[in-house]
Amino acid sequence: MAVTEISLNLLRAFDAAARQASFTEAAKELFVTQAAVSHQIKALETWLGKSLFHRTSRGLVLTDEGLLLAPTVADALSRIEEGIDRVRLGVARDVLTVGVVGTFAVGFLMRHLPDFRRRYPHIELRLLTNNNKPDASTDSLDLSIRFGDGAWRSVEAVRVMEAPMTPLCAPAIADTLHHPADLARWPLLRSYRAQDWPAWFAAAGTAPIVARGAQFDTSIIMVQAALLGEGVALAPPAMFEAELADGRLVQPFGAEVDVGAYWLTRPLARAEREAERAFAGWLVGRANEFTRAL
């Protein structure tokens, strides 16, 4: 399939495959064949000159380029759909701009956005991903979803979801891990939060091992490295439910440690809008349903 310009069909195929981590499931969602989705993704990759997925025996894994593109495409398709509704139905729109840490965006929020659009068709949601350091004053954010302890200045913080962390790795590495001390055999992939690995070893009741693996500014990229066998990540398994369910990712130990949670924050300097209250109530409700189902 030669492509001289981007079509919505290619972007819809990519969006569905990114959310489902499967061409087969994406095809079911779009009511087309698996071969059609595969051809559309290949055409998009050819046009971009970049691979968007690693095709493994256990399923699809987004490449760095795919991870960068997925939230943008999801947001763009949502805005197109909302714009069409605005013209067709003449519905007044309320724009809500939300900053969100990338791991939560990919691991939870994107899968639930269709429900939000159905419930609140009058709210135009605009998502801006970040590495957990949003700046409401410069990014013009109405709300932010952040990871941490909730103790941020000048904002109201509502706890959305607990996110205990544990080691996560590829199956081949997991086969070598029988005791936490066995982690010394592998690079321990790190975030900018230097205290996380020591806290996990303390929770596991074993002597700490110095983490000397590569350092990442987001868990979503760290876990992608782990999926490729680059080492062991320390991340919240709730955000990688699909990868754990299909066996591409393994949690070798039961011990988990709480080093923070996901919070929805709002600047205190201005009054809360109805759209913000609606989003906050919906998000907390969906997160509670998700947590109960784990």
C-alpha atoms as a PDB file:
ATOM      1  CA  MET A   1       0.000   0.000   0.000  1.00  0.00           C
ATOM      2  CA  ALA A   2       1.700   3.178  -1.222  1.00  0.00           C
ATOM      3  CA  VAL A   3       0.850   6.226   0.892  1.00  0.00           C
ATOM      4  CA  THR A   4       1.395   9.800  -0.262  1.00  0.00           C
ATOM      5  CA  GLU A   5      -0.631  11.414   2.522  1.00  0.00           C
ATOM      6  CA  ILE A   6      -2.015  10.390   5.898  1.00  0.00           C
ATOM      7  CA  SER A   7      -5.614   9.149   6.019  1.00  0.00           C
ATOM      8  CA  LEU A   8      -7.876   8.873   9.041  1.00  0.00           C
ATOM      9  CA  ASN A   9      -8.104   5.117   8.472  1.00  0.00           C
ATOM     10  CA  LEU A  10      -4.364   4.741   9.067  1.00  0.00           C
ATOM     11  CA  LEU A  11      -4.541   6.798  12.249  1.00  0.00           C
ATOM     12  CA  ARG A  12      -7.607   4.926  13.510  1.00  0.00           C
ATOM     13  CA  ALA A  13      -5.820   1.618  12.920  1.00  0.00           C
ATOM     14  CA  PHE A  14      -2.756   2.834  14.814  1.00  0.00           C
ATOM     15  CA  ASP A  15      -4.863   4.208  17.676  1.00  0.00           C
ATOM     16  CA  ALA A  16      -6.778   0.940  18.075  1.00  0.00           C
ATOM     17  CA  ALA A  17      -3.636  -1.226  17.842  1.00  0.00           C
ATOM     18  CA  ALA A  18      -1.821   0.974  20.385  1.00  0.00           C
ATOM     19  CA  ARG A  19      -4.663   0.665  22.894  1.00  0.00           C
ATOM     20  CA  GLN A  20      -5.304  -3.032  22.313  1.00  0.00           C
ATOM     21  CA  ALA A  21      -1.633  -4.097  21.867  1.00  0.00           C
ATOM     22  CA  SER A  22      -2.955  -6.472  19.207  1.00  0.00           C
ATOM     23  CA  PHE A  23      -3.796  -6.249  15.505  1.00  0.00           C
ATOM     24  CA  THR A  24      -6.465  -8.897  15.993  1.00  0.00           C
ATOM     25  CA  GLU A  25      -8.259  -7.002  18.770  1.00  0.00           C
ATOM     26  CA  ALA A  26      -7.886  -3.739  16.860  1.00  0.00           C
ATOM     27  CA  ALA A  27      -9.512  -5.378  13.830  1.00  0.00           C
ATOM     28  CA  LYS A  28     -12.480  -6.479  15.964  1.00  0.00           C
ATOM     29  CA  GLU A  29     -12.902  -2.941  17.281  1.00  0.00           C
ATOM     30  CA  LEU A  30     -12.795  -1.441  13.792  1.00  0.00           C
ATOM     31  CA  PHE A  31     -14.873  -4.215  12.133  1.00  0.00           C
ATOM     32  CA  VAL A  32     -12.186  -4.997   9.569  1.00  0.00           C
ATOM     33  CA  THR A  33      -9.808  -7.909   9.048  1.00  0.00           C
ATOM     34  CA  GLN A  34      -6.566  -8.402  10.937  1.00  0.00           C
ATOM     35  CA  ALA A  35      -4.721  -8.245   7.615  1.00  0.00           C
ATOM     36  CA  ALA A  36      -6.263  -4.841   6.878  1.00  0.00           C
ATOM     37  CA  VAL A  37      -5.033  -3.434  10.190  1.00  0.00           C
ATOM     38  CA  SER A  38      -1.568  -4.913   9.629  1.00  0.00           C
ATOM     39  CA  HIS A  39      -1.376  -3.356   6.152  1.00  0.00           C
ATOM     40  CA  GLN A  40      -2.534   0.033   7.446  1.00  0.00           C
ATOM     41  CA  ILE A  41       0.073   0.047  10.211  1.00  0.00           C
ATOM     42  CA  LYS A  42       2.780  -0.963   7.750  1.00  0.00           C
ATOM     43  CA  ALA A  43       1.709   1.837   5.398  1.00  0.00           C
ATOM     44  CA  LEU A  44       1.839   4.385   8.226  1.00  0.00           C
ATOM     45  CA  GLU A  45       5.294   3.163   9.317  1.00  0.00           C
ATOM     46  CA  THR A  46       6.531   3.382   5.719  1.00  0.00           C
ATOM     47  CA  TRP A  47       5.192   6.928   5.356  1.00  0.00           C
ATOM     48  CA  LEU A  48       6.809   8.009   8.642  1.00  0.00           C
ATOM     49  CA  GLY A  49      10.034   6.121   8.016  1.00  0.00           C
ATOM     50  CA  LYS A  50       9.791   4.844  11.597  1.00  0.00           C
ATOM     51  CA  SER A  51       8.725   1.585  13.241  1.00  0.00           C
ATOM     52  CA  LEU A  52       5.797   2.082  15.611  1.00  0.00           C
ATOM     53  CA  PHE A  53       5.621  -1.418  17.095  1.00  0.00           C
ATOM     54  CA  HIS A  54       7.983  -4.186  18.060  1.00  0.00           C
ATOM     55  CA  ARG A  55       6.287  -7.334  16.785  1.00  0.00           C
ATOM     56  CA  THR A  56       7.079 -10.088  19.306  1.00  0.00           C
ATOM     57  CA  SER A  57       5.842 -13.661  19.686  1.00  0.00           C
ATOM     58  CA  ARG A  58       3.736 -12.488  22.627  1.00  0.00           C
ATOM     59  CA  GLY A  59       2.163  -9.447  20.989  1.00  0.00           C
ATOM     60  CA  LEU A  60       2.826  -5.828  20.145  1.00  0.00           C
ATOM     61  CA  VAL A  61       5.092  -3.438  22.046  1.00  0.00           C
ATOM     62  CA  LEU A  62       5.140   0.249  21.143  1.00  0.00           C
ATOM     63  CA  THR A  63       8.507   1.623  20.090  1.00  0.00           C
ATOM     64  CA  ASP A  64       9.716   4.960  21.482  1.00  0.00           C
ATOM     65  CA  GLU A  65       8.260   6.624  18.382  1.00  0.00           C
ATOM     66  CA  GLY A  66       4.979   4.782  18.873  1.00  0.00           C
ATOM     67  CA  LEU A  67       4.801   5.856  22.510  1.00  0.00           C
ATOM     68  CA  LEU A  68       5.371   9.450  21.458  1.00  0.00           C
ATOM     69  CA  LEU A  69       2.713   9.332  18.745  1.00  0.00           C
ATOM     70  CA  ALA A  70      -0.057   7.350  20.500  1.00  0.00           C
ATOM     71  CA  PRO A  71      -1.410  10.034  22.891  1.00  0.00           C
ATOM     72  CA  THR A  72      -1.303  12.671  20.145  1.00  0.00           C
ATOM     73  CA  VAL A  73      -3.274  10.522  17.718  1.00  0.00           C
ATOM     74  CA  ALA A  74      -5.805   9.529  20.395  1.00  0.00           C
ATOM     75  CA  ASP A  75      -6.361  13.166  21.304  1.00  0.00           C
ATOM     76  CA  ALA A  76      -6.595  14.269  17.669  1.00  0.00           C
ATOM     77  CA  LEU A  77      -9.184  11.617  16.788  1.00  0.00           C
ATOM     78  CA  SER A  78     -11.179  12.571  19.866  1.00  0.00           C
ATOM     79  CA  ARG A  79     -11.140  16.247  18.906  1.00  0.00           C
ATOM     80  CA  ILE A  80     -12.214  15.454  15.335  1.00  0.00           C
ATOM     81  CA  GLU A  81     -15.131  13.410  16.636  1.00  0.00           C
ATOM     82  CA  GLU A  82     -16.096  16.158  19.066  1.00  0.00           C
ATOM     83  CA  GLY A  83     -15.826  18.833  16.370  1.00  0.00           C
ATOM     84  CA  ILE A  84     -18.141  16.873  14.100  1.00  0.00           C
ATOM     85  CA  ASP A  85     -20.635  16.491  16.946  1.00  0.00           C
ATOM     86  CA  ARG A  86     -20.421  20.213  17.619  1.00  0.00           C
ATOM     87  CA  VAL A  87     -21.348  21.048  14.029  1.00  0.00           C
ATOM     88  CA  ARG A  88     -23.916  18.270  13.611  1.00  0.00           C
ATOM     89  CA  LEU A  89     -25.679  18.679  16.942  1.00  0.00           C
ATOM     90  CA  GLY A  90     -24.978  22.316  17.664  1.00  0.00           C
ATOM     91  CA  VAL A  91     -23.863  21.399  21.191  1.00  0.00           C
ATOM     92  CA  ALA A  92     -21.991  24.023  23.208  1.00  0.00           C
ATOM     93  CA  ARG A  93     -18.523  22.792  24.179  1.00  0.00           C
ATOM     94  CA  ASP A  94     -16.568  23.287  27.376  1.00  0.00           C
ATOM     95  CA  VAL A  95     -12.818  22.881  26.781  1.00  0.00           C
ATOM     96  CA  LEU A  96     -10.879  21.163  29.585  1.00  0.00           C
ATOM     97  CA  THR A  97      -7.076  20.936  29.355  1.00  0.00           C
ATOM     98  CA  VAL A  98      -5.510  18.194  31.487  1.00  0.00           C
ATOM     99  CA  GLY A  99      -1.815  17.472  31.951  1.00  0.00           C
ATOM    100  CA  VAL A 100      -1.098  13.819  32.667  1.00  0.00           C
ATOM    101  CA  VAL A 101       1.992  11.787  33.440  1.00  0.00           C
ATOM    102  CA  GLY A 102       2.692   9.496  30.461  1.00  0.00           C
ATOM    103  CA  THR A 103       2.547   6.188  32.341  1.00  0.00           C
ATOM    104  CA  PHE A 104      -0.966   6.886  33.618  1.00  0.00           C
ATOM    105  CA  ALA A 105      -2.075   8.172  30.208  1.00  0.00           C
ATOM    106  CA  VAL A 106      -1.049   4.970  28.405  1.00  0.00           C
ATOM    107  CA  GLY A 107      -1.646   2.505  31.259  1.00  0.00           C
ATOM    108  CA  PHE A 108      -5.117   3.688  32.263  1.00  0.00           C
ATOM    109  CA  LEU A 109      -6.608   6.885  30.909  1.00  0.00           C
ATOM    110  CA  MET A 110      -6.570   6.237  27.152  1.00  0.00           C
ATOM    111  CA  ARG A 111      -8.567   3.014  27.534  1.00  0.00           C
ATOM    112  CA  HIS A 112     -11.324   4.814  29.445  1.00  0.00           C
ATOM    113  CA  LEU A 113     -11.668   7.987  27.373  1.00  0.00           C
ATOM    114  CA  PRO A 114     -14.493   6.596  25.181  1.00  0.00           C
ATOM    115  CA  ASP A 115     -16.594   6.257  28.353  1.00  0.00           C
ATOM    116  CA  PHE A 116     -15.896   9.879  29.292  1.00  0.00           C
ATOM    117  CA  ARG A 117     -16.882  11.096  25.819  1.00  0.00           C
ATOM    118  CA  ARG A 118     -20.150   9.155  25.996  1.00  0.00           C
ATOM    119  CA  ARG A 119     -21.002  10.549  29.422  1.00  0.00           C
ATOM    120  CA  TYR A 120     -19.897  14.139  28.810  1.00  0.00           C
ATOM    121  CA  PRO A 121     -20.187  14.878  25.075  1.00  0.00           C
ATOM    122  CA  HIS A 122     -20.225  18.620  25.774  1.00  0.00           C
ATOM    123  CA  ILE A 123     -16.723  18.596  27.342  1.00  0.00           C
ATOM    124  CA  GLU A 124     -13.832  18.862  24.898  1.00  0.00           C
ATOM    125  CA  LEU A 125     -10.938  17.144  26.655  1.00  0.00           C
ATOM    126  CA  ARG A 126      -7.395  18.151  25.660  1.00  0.00           C
ATOM    127  CA  LEU A 127      -4.559  16.023  27.071  1.00  0.00           C
ATOM    128  CA  LEU A 128      -0.928  17.090  27.397  1.00  0.00           C
ATOM    129  CA  THR A 129       1.501  14.401  28.551  1.00  0.00           C
ATOM    130  CA  ASN A 130       4.487  15.226  30.737  1.00  0.00           C
ATOM    131  CA  ASN A 131       7.173  13.549  32.848  1.00  0.00           C
ATOM    132  CA  ASN A 132       5.396  14.280  36.143  1.00  0.00           C
ATOM    133  CA  LYS A 133       6.485  17.915  36.305  1.00  0.00           C
ATOM    134  CA  PRO A 134       3.542  19.925  34.946  1.00  0.00           C
ATOM    135  CA  ASP A 135       3.622  23.689  35.182  1.00  0.00           C
ATOM    136  CA  ALA A 136       0.074  24.990  35.231  1.00  0.00           C
ATOM    137  CA  SER A 137       1.236  28.578  34.797  1.00  0.00           C
ATOM    138  CA  THR A 138       3.090  27.947  31.540  1.00  0.00           C
ATOM    139  CA  ASP A 139       1.105  25.035  30.084  1.00  0.00           C
ATOM    140  CA  SER A 140      -2.349  26.588  30.641  1.00  0.00           C
ATOM    141  CA  LEU A 141      -3.540  23.449  32.404  1.00  0.00           C
ATOM    142  CA  ASP A 142      -6.908  23.253  34.094  1.00  0.00           C
ATOM    143  CA  LEU A 143      -6.058  19.996  35.880  1.00  0.00           C
ATOM    144  CA  SER A 144      -3.020  17.719  36.237  1.00  0.00           C
ATOM    145  CA  ILE A 145      -2.704  14.009  36.952  1.00  0.00           C
ATOM    146  CA  ARG A 146       0.552  13.477  38.832  1.00  0.00           C
ATOM    147  CA  PHE A 147       2.442  10.772  40.720  1.00  0.00           C
ATOM    148  CA  GLY A 148       3.742  11.457  44.216  1.00  0.00           C
ATOM    149  CA  ASP A 149       2.674  12.053  47.807  1.00  0.00           C
ATOM    150  CA  GLY A 150       0.066  14.730  47.078  1.00  0.00           C
ATOM    151  CA  ALA A 151       1.955  17.416  49.031  1.00  0.00           C
ATOM    152  CA  TRP A 152       2.264  20.060  46.316  1.00  0.00           C
ATOM    153  CA  ARG A 153       1.998  23.756  47.002  1.00  0.00           C
ATOM    154  CA  SER A 154      -0.839  25.957  45.726  1.00  0.00           C
ATOM    155  CA  VAL A 155      -2.964  23.075  44.435  1.00  0.00           C
ATOM    156  CA  GLU A 156      -5.860  20.982  45.649  1.00  0.00           C
ATOM    157  CA  ALA A 157      -4.928  17.292  45.340  1.00  0.00           C
ATOM    158  CA  VAL A 158      -7.437  14.439  45.117  1.00  0.00           C
ATOM    159  CA  ARG A 159      -6.094  10.895  45.376  1.00  0.00           C
ATOM    160  CA  VAL A 160      -7.061   8.954  42.260  1.00  0.00           C
ATOM    161  CA  MET A 161      -5.314   5.591  42.504  1.00  0.00           C
ATOM    162  CA  GLU A 162      -2.768   3.784  44.642  1.00  0.00           C
ATOM    163  CA  ALA A 163       0.237   2.635  42.620  1.00  0.00           C
ATOM    164  CA  PRO A 164       2.434   0.204  44.595  1.00  0.00           C
ATOM    165  CA  MET A 165       5.620  -0.710  42.769  1.00  0.00           C
ATOM    166  CA  THR A 166       7.335  -4.047  42.231  1.00  0.00           C
ATOM    167  CA  PRO A 167      10.026  -5.480  39.934  1.00  0.00           C
ATOM    168  CA  LEU A 168       8.795  -6.230  36.403  1.00  0.00           C
ATOM    169  CA  CYS A 169      10.785  -7.976  33.683  1.00  0.00           C
ATOM    170  CA  ALA A 170      10.726 -10.167  30.597  1.00  0.00           C
ATOM    171  CA  PRO A 171       9.955 -13.910  31.079  1.00  0.00           C
ATOM    172  CA  ALA A 172      13.525 -15.012  30.300  1.00  0.00           C
ATOM    173  CA  ILE A 173      14.878 -12.829  33.100  1.00  0.00           C
ATOM    174  CA  ALA A 174      12.092 -13.843  35.493  1.00  0.00           C
ATOM    175  CA  ASP A 175      13.137 -17.489  35.101  1.00  0.00           C
ATOM    176  CA  THR A 176      16.465 -16.631  36.767  1.00  0.00           C
ATOM    177  CA  LEU A 177      14.919 -14.814  39.747  1.00  0.00           C
ATOM    178  CA  HIS A 178      14.112 -17.049  42.714  1.00  0.00           C
ATOM    179  CA  HIS A 179      15.048 -14.675  45.540  1.00  0.00           C
ATOM    180  CA  PRO A 180      15.409 -10.867  45.615  1.00  0.00           C
ATOM    181  CA  ALA A 181      19.179 -11.312  45.910  1.00  0.00           C
ATOM    182  CA  ASP A 182      19.141 -12.772  42.381  1.00  0.00           C
ATOM    183  CA  LEU A 183      18.410  -9.266  41.089  1.00  0.00           C
ATOM    184  CA  ALA A 184      22.142  -8.600  41.423  1.00  0.00           C
ATOM    185  CA  ARG A 185      22.576 -10.560  38.173  1.00  0.00           C
ATOM    186  CA  TRP A 186      20.709  -7.973  36.120  1.00  0.00           C
ATOM    187  CA  PRO A 187      20.695  -4.204  35.510  1.00  0.00           C
ATOM    188  CA  LEU A 188      18.129  -2.554  37.769  1.00  0.00           C
ATOM    189  CA  LEU A 189      16.437   0.060  35.601  1.00  0.00           C
ATOM    190  CA  ARG A 190      15.892   3.346  37.435  1.00  0.00           C
ATOM    191  CA  SER A 191      13.658   6.391  37.466  1.00  0.00           C
ATOM    192  CA  TYR A 192      14.689   9.826  38.694  1.00  0.00           C
ATOM    193  CA  ARG A 193      13.336   8.751  42.130  1.00  0.00           C
ATOM    194  CA  ALA A 194      16.522   7.326  43.670  1.00  0.00           C
ATOM    195  CA  GLN A 195      14.702   6.139  46.799  1.00  0.00           C
ATOM    196  CA  ASP A 196      12.402   3.658  45.020  1.00  0.00           C
ATOM    197  CA  TRP A 197      14.684   0.613  44.726  1.00  0.00           C
ATOM    198  CA  PRO A 198      15.981   0.877  48.340  1.00  0.00           C
ATOM    199  CA  ALA A 199      12.372   1.174  49.527  1.00  0.00           C
ATOM    200  CA  TRP A 200      11.386  -1.979  47.631  1.00  0.00           C
ATOM    201  CA  PHE A 201      14.291  -4.022  49.017  1.00  0.00           C
ATOM    202  CA  ALA A 202      13.282  -2.897  52.526  1.00  0.00           C
ATOM    203  CA  ALA A 203       9.689  -3.987  51.855  1.00  0.00           C
ATOM    204  CA  ALA A 204      10.963  -7.335  50.587  1.00  0.00           C
ATOM    205  CA  GLY A 205      12.992  -7.788  53.786  1.00  0.00           C
ATOM    206  CA  THR A 206      16.337  -8.194  52.063  1.00  0.00           C
ATOM    207  CA  ALA A 207      19.622  -6.317  51.774  1.00  0.00           C
ATOM    208  CA  PRO A 208      19.537  -3.563  49.135  1.00  0.00           C
ATOM    209  CA  ILE A 209      21.336  -3.866  45.825  1.00  0.00           C
ATOM    210  CA  VAL A 210      22.692  -0.731  44.209  1.00  0.00           C
ATOM    211  CA  ALA A 211      20.735   0.069  41.041  1.00  0.00           C
ATOM    212  CA  ARG A 212      23.200   0.619  38.203  1.00  0.00           C
ATOM    213  CA  GLY A 213      20.934   0.186  35.184  1.00  0.00           C
ATOM    214  CA  ALA A 214      19.841   2.858  32.740  1.00  0.00           C
ATOM    215  CA  GLN A 215      17.854   5.785  34.125  1.00  0.00           C
ATOM    216  CA  PHE A 216      14.524   6.941  32.655  1.00  0.00           C
ATOM    217  CA  ASP A 217      12.260   9.925  33.274  1.00  0.00           C
ATOM    218  CA  THR A 218       9.073   7.886  32.810  1.00  0.00           C
ATOM    219  CA  SER A 219       8.028   4.376  33.831  1.00  0.00           C
ATOM    220  CA  ILE A 220       6.381   3.682  30.478  1.00  0.00           C
ATOM    221  CA  ILE A 221       9.737   3.882  28.677  1.00  0.00           C
ATOM    222  CA  MET A 222      11.509   2.012  31.480  1.00  0.00           C
ATOM    223  CA  VAL A 223       9.117  -0.918  31.158  1.00  0.00           C
ATOM    224  CA  GLN A 224       9.515  -0.933  27.372  1.00  0.00           C
ATOM    225  CA  ALA A 225      13.248  -1.431  27.990  1.00  0.00           C
ATOM    226  CA  ALA A 226      12.445  -4.260  30.395  1.00  0.00           C
ATOM    227  CA  LEU A 227      10.218  -5.913  27.784  1.00  0.00           C
ATOM    228  CA  LEU A 228      13.199  -5.908  25.430  1.00  0.00           C
ATOM    229  CA  GLY A 229      15.346  -7.688  28.037  1.00  0.00           C
ATOM    230  CA  GLU A 230      17.449  -4.672  29.038  1.00  0.00           C
ATOM    231  CA  GLY A 231      17.008  -5.320  32.766  1.00  0.00           C
ATOM    232  CA  VAL A 232      14.440  -5.238  35.567  1.00  0.00           C
ATOM    233  CA  ALA A 233      12.107  -2.268  35.975  1.00  0.00           C
ATOM    234  CA  LEU A 234      10.522  -1.089  39.214  1.00  0.00           C
ATOM    235  CA  ALA A 235       7.062   0.122  38.284  1.00  0.00           C
ATOM    236  CA  PRO A 236       3.359  -0.083  39.226  1.00  0.00           C
ATOM    237  CA  PRO A 237       1.945  -3.331  37.791  1.00  0.00           C
ATOM    238  CA  ALA A 238      -1.546  -1.814  37.624  1.00  0.00           C
ATOM    239  CA  MET A 239      -0.351   0.375  34.752  1.00  0.00           C
ATOM    240  CA  PHE A 240       0.893  -2.637  32.765  1.00  0.00           C
ATOM    241  CA  GLU A 241      -2.076  -4.952  33.169  1.00  0.00           C
ATOM    242  CA  ALA A 242      -2.218  -5.933  29.487  1.00  0.00           C
ATOM    243  CA  GLU A 243       1.472  -6.836  29.267  1.00  0.00           C
ATOM    244  CA  LEU A 244       1.241  -8.905  32.454  1.00  0.00           C
ATOM    245  CA  ALA A 245      -1.962 -10.632  31.347  1.00  0.00           C
ATOM    246  CA  ASP A 246      -0.514 -11.832  28.046  1.00  0.00           C
ATOM    247  CA  GLY A 247       2.783 -12.958  29.570  1.00  0.00           C
ATOM    248  CA  ARG A 248       5.081 -10.476  27.845  1.00  0.00           C
ATOM    249  CA  LEU A 249       5.868  -9.003  31.266  1.00  0.00           C
ATOM    250  CA  VAL A 250       6.319 -10.912  34.534  1.00  0.00           C
ATOM    251  CA  GLN A 251       6.118  -9.886  38.193  1.00  0.00           C
ATOM    252  CA  PRO A 252       8.675 -12.271  39.735  1.00  0.00           C
ATOM    253  CA  PHE A 253       8.081 -11.338  43.416  1.00  0.00           C
ATOM    254  CA  GLY A 254       4.970 -10.668  45.448  1.00  0.00           C
ATOM    255  CA  ALA A 255       6.472  -7.855  47.510  1.00  0.00           C
ATOM    256  CA  GLU A 256       5.269  -4.357  46.604  1.00  0.00           C
ATOM    257  CA  VAL A 257       6.084  -0.954  48.045  1.00  0.00           C
ATOM    258  CA  ASP A 258       4.058   2.239  48.253  1.00  0.00           C
ATOM    259  CA  VAL A 259       6.206   5.219  47.282  1.00  0.00           C
ATOM    260  CA  GLY A 260       3.394   7.375  45.943  1.00  0.00           C
ATOM    261  CA  ALA A 261      -0.003   7.445  44.264  1.00  0.00           C
ATOM    262  CA  TYR A 262      -1.688   9.095  41.293  1.00  0.00           C
ATOM    263  CA  TRP A 263      -3.390  12.388  42.170  1.00  0.00           C
ATOM    264  CA  LEU A 264      -5.598  14.852  40.317  1.00  0.00           C
ATOM    265  CA  THR A 265      -4.521  18.397  41.111  1.00  0.00           C
ATOM    266  CA  ARG A 266      -6.195  21.755  40.509  1.00  0.00           C
ATOM    267  CA  PRO A 267      -4.729  25.240  41.066  1.00  0.00           C
ATOM    268  CA  LEU A 268      -6.228  26.882  44.150  1.00  0.00           C
ATOM    269  CA  ALA A 269      -5.872  30.350  42.677  1.00  0.00           C
ATOM    270  CA  ARG A 270      -9.093  30.095  40.658  1.00  0.00           C
ATOM    271  CA  ALA A 271     -12.617  28.796  41.162  1.00  0.00           C
ATOM    272  CA  GLU A 272     -13.467  25.245  40.188  1.00  0.00           C
ATOM    273  CA  ARG A 273     -15.452  24.879  36.969  1.00  0.00           C
ATOM    274  CA  GLU A 274     -18.313  22.442  36.410  1.00  0.00           C
ATOM    275  CA  ALA A 275     -16.287  20.607  33.732  1.00  0.00           C
ATOM    276  CA  GLU A 276     -13.466  20.097  36.246  1.00  0.00           C
ATOM    277  CA  ARG A 277     -15.871  18.686  38.834  1.00  0.00           C
ATOM    278  CA  ALA A 278     -17.334  16.353  36.219  1.00  0.00           C
ATOM    279  CA  PHE A 279     -13.926  15.072  35.128  1.00  0.00           C
ATOM    280  CA  ALA A 280     -12.716  14.614  38.716  1.00  0.00           C
ATOM    281  CA  GLY A 281     -15.815  12.640  39.714  1.00  0.00           C
ATOM    282  CA  TRP A 282     -15.645  10.490  36.597  1.00  0.00           C
ATOM    283  CA  LEU A 283     -11.893   9.807  36.955  1.00  0.00           C
ATOM    284  CA  VAL A 284     -12.059   8.806  40.615  1.00  0.00           C
ATOM    285  CA  GLY A 285     -15.076   6.594  39.924  1.00  0.00           C
ATOM    286  CA  ARG A 286     -13.413   4.782  37.008  1.00  0.00           C
ATOM    287  CA  ALA A 287     -10.193   4.372  39.005  1.00  0.00           C
ATOM    288  CA  ASN A 288     -12.119   2.828  41.917  1.00  0.00           C
ATOM    289  CA  GLU A 289     -13.837   0.382  39.538  1.00  0.00           C
ATOM    290  CA  PHE A 290     -10.487  -0.505  37.986  1.00  0.00           C
ATOM    291  CA  THR A 291      -8.831  -1.064  41.370  1.00  0.00           C
ATOM    292  CA  ARG A 292     -11.664  -3.287  42.608  1.00  0.00           C
ATOM    293  CA  ALA A 293     -11.387  -5.410  39.467  1.00  0.00           C
ATOM    294  CA  LEU A 294      -7.644  -6.067  39.895  1.00  0.00           C
END
